Every structure is written in C-alpha cells, then in structure tokens.
Amino acid sequence: MSELLSGNMIKYYNYKEQMGRLKKALLYEFYLEAIFIEYAIMEDRTEAILRYEGNECKSQNIGKKLNKIKTISRDKKALPGKYFDDALVDRMMIWKDKRNTLIHALVKQQLKTEELKALAEEGNELVKELNRRSQNYKREVERKIKKENDEV
C-alpha cells in the first residue's frame, strides 16, 4: 500500500510540475513545448479513464484510447457517458490530428507562430476540460466503490 501511495504521490507531483511547465510555456510563447505537454497530459488522462473503467489500454496510441472511451461512453448505463461525451472526444481527436500533422511537417514546411499558438491554446483548453471532467469522474467512481463496499 505504501508503494502505491508513494507512486501516486510521485505522479501527483510530476503532474503538478507539468501543469506549471505548461503555464510557463504558454506565457513565454514556447508553443511546441506546450503542445508536447498537452499531448502527454491527454495521454495520461485517457489512460486513467480507461483504467478506472476497468478497460486497460496498453496502446500508447491516443486515438485508440479516445475511440475506446467514446464506445464506452455511448452505453447510457456506463458512468463515463456522463463525463466524456462525443463532442469532447471528437474535439480531442481533431486536436490530436492537427498536432500530428504539425509535428510530422515540422521540418518540411514553414510554420507560423500563429498556427502554433492557436494549437497550443486549443490544447490548453482541452486539457483544462479533460482534467475537470476526469476529476469529477474519478470522484464519482470512488464514491460508487465506497458505497458498494459499505453495502457488503
């Protein structure tokens, strides 16, 4: 149990540090750094959502994770549907595709700062929304588990 707690604490501090880095990257116009941090946070949050739902997704492919969340969320009885609607997942997929196009074209085309800024700002909004919904989802899952354990 202490290993899990220390692992959770390490993750908490790492996450907090990355959120601070993201804020600084946006403030100082380091948009590529912001985009990389946003992507990493989205990867982590989608993995956590699937883990809480009991659907481990071993793939590092965020697209597959998002599709799996979308499928699970469409089940009206499933808790993720309350927090992760198609609109959010679709916005994240579109952002991911724009990010991938940009990253793959990094040395092949001239990128404008405005493009990077727009993508970084859009990603930041998605990260905030995903974090808020993930936290609410996690709390509800924990309440549900506690209630089930109390009934036993």
Foldseek 3Di string as FASTA:
>chain_A
DVVVVVVVVVVVVVLVVLVVVLVVCLVVLVLVSLLVSLLVLLLVLLQVVCVLVVRHDPDSDSLVSLVVLAVQLVPVVHLSVVQNYPVLSVLVVVLVVLSVVCVVCVPVDDDDSVSSSVSSVSSVVSSVSSVVSSVVSVVVSVVVVVVVVVVD
